[in-house]
Amino acid sequence: MKNELTDNAKAEIEKLVAQVKQERDEIVLKTHLFQADAKDEWHKVDKQWEHFKFKAGQVGKEAKGASGDVTAAAKLLAEEIMRSFQRIRKSL
């Protein structure tokens, strides 16, 4: 009877270990995929940022009285970049 209890306890522990390992492995995989997604988004938004900085500098130098359309487009791009930065920040 004592061996039976020991065997049952051992089997329960092994089952728990297997369940915890499976959960851990799934989280590791999801974390890895999540990090890859965040990196992809970072590279995309960083390119947008560099483009935005370049264009903003050109507008400032070339057209002191830049049209409202150019200003509105710049604001939209800046807002899009900020939303992307916020998504990345939340994911970290």
Protein backbone atom coordinates (compact mmCIF):
# COMPACT_ATOMS: atom_id res chain seq x y z
CA MET A 1 0.00 0.00 0.00
CA LYS A 2 2.84 2.37 0.83
CA ASN A 3 4.46 1.71 -2.55
CA GLU A 4 1.09 2.29 -4.20
CA LEU A 5 0.80 5.73 -2.55
CA THR A 6 4.36 6.56 -3.49
CA ASP A 7 3.74 5.47 -7.08
CA ASN A 8 0.53 7.56 -7.23
CA ALA A 9 2.28 10.60 -5.79
CA LYS A 10 5.14 10.16 -8.23
CA ALA A 11 2.73 9.85 -11.15
CA GLU A 12 0.85 12.99 -10.04
CA ILE A 13 4.11 14.95 -9.74
CA GLU A 14 5.24 13.77 -13.16
CA LYS A 15 1.89 14.83 -14.63
CA LEU A 16 2.20 18.26 -12.99
CA VAL A 17 5.76 18.64 -14.27
CA ALA A 18 4.59 17.79 -17.78
CA GLN A 19 1.73 20.32 -17.59
CA VAL A 20 3.97 23.09 -16.27
CA LYS A 21 6.62 22.30 -18.90
CA GLN A 22 4.03 22.47 -21.68
CA GLU A 23 2.72 25.83 -20.42
CA ARG A 24 6.27 27.15 -20.12
CA ASP A 25 7.19 25.98 -23.62
CA GLU A 26 4.08 27.65 -25.08
CA ILE A 27 4.90 30.93 -23.32
CA VAL A 28 8.52 30.78 -24.52
CA LEU A 29 7.30 30.27 -28.09
CA LYS A 30 4.73 33.07 -27.87
CA THR A 31 7.33 35.40 -26.33
CA HIS A 32 9.77 34.63 -29.13
CA LEU A 33 7.12 35.27 -31.80
CA PHE A 34 6.02 38.41 -29.99
CA GLN A 35 9.56 39.74 -29.88
CA ALA A 36 9.95 39.10 -33.60
CA ASP A 37 6.72 41.00 -34.30
CA ALA A 38 7.85 43.90 -32.12
CA LYS A 39 11.22 44.02 -33.91
CA ASP A 40 9.50 44.01 -37.30
CA GLU A 41 7.25 46.87 -36.25
CA TRP A 42 10.24 48.76 -34.80
CA HIS A 43 12.20 48.51 -38.06
CA LYS A 44 9.18 49.72 -40.03
CA VAL A 45 8.45 52.67 -37.78
CA ASP A 46 12.13 53.60 -37.47
CA LYS A 47 12.32 53.93 -41.26
CA GLN A 48 9.22 56.14 -41.14
CA TRP A 49 10.87 58.22 -38.43
CA GLU A 50 14.02 58.75 -40.47
CA HIS A 51 11.93 59.70 -43.52
CA PHE A 52 9.85 62.08 -41.39
CA LYS A 53 12.93 63.79 -39.93
CA PHE A 54 14.45 64.23 -43.38
CA LYS A 55 11.26 65.62 -44.93
CA ALA A 56 10.59 67.89 -41.96
CA GLY A 57 14.08 69.33 -42.28
CA GLN A 58 13.59 69.94 -46.00
CA VAL A 59 10.26 71.68 -45.50
CA GLY A 60 11.74 73.88 -42.82
CA LYS A 61 14.63 74.93 -45.05
CA GLU A 62 12.87 75.23 -48.40
CA ALA A 63 9.45 76.59 -47.61
CA LYS A 64 9.03 78.93 -44.71
CA GLY A 65 5.39 79.29 -45.66
CA ALA A 66 4.68 75.62 -46.28
CA SER A 67 1.15 74.95 -47.38
CA GLY A 68 -1.48 73.62 -45.02
CA ASP A 69 -1.55 70.36 -46.99
CA VAL A 70 2.13 69.70 -46.32
CA THR A 71 1.69 70.55 -42.65
CA ALA A 72 -1.39 68.34 -42.37
CA ALA A 73 0.43 65.43 -44.04
CA ALA A 74 3.37 65.83 -41.69
CA LYS A 75 1.07 65.84 -38.68
CA LEU A 76 -0.65 62.65 -39.88
CA LEU A 77 2.67 60.90 -40.36
CA ALA A 78 3.88 62.05 -36.95
CA GLU A 79 0.68 60.74 -35.34
CA GLU A 80 1.07 57.39 -37.11
CA ILE A 81 4.66 57.11 -35.91
CA MET A 82 3.63 57.98 -32.34
CA ARG A 83 0.88 55.31 -32.38
CA SER A 84 3.43 52.76 -33.57
CA PHE A 85 5.84 53.78 -30.81
CA GLN A 86 3.03 53.44 -28.26
CA ARG A 87 2.14 49.94 -29.54
CA ILE A 88 5.77 48.91 -29.25
CA ARG A 89 6.06 50.42 -25.76
CA LYS A 90 2.95 48.52 -24.61
CA SER A 91 4.38 45.29 -25.98
CA LEU A 92 7.59 45.65 -23.98
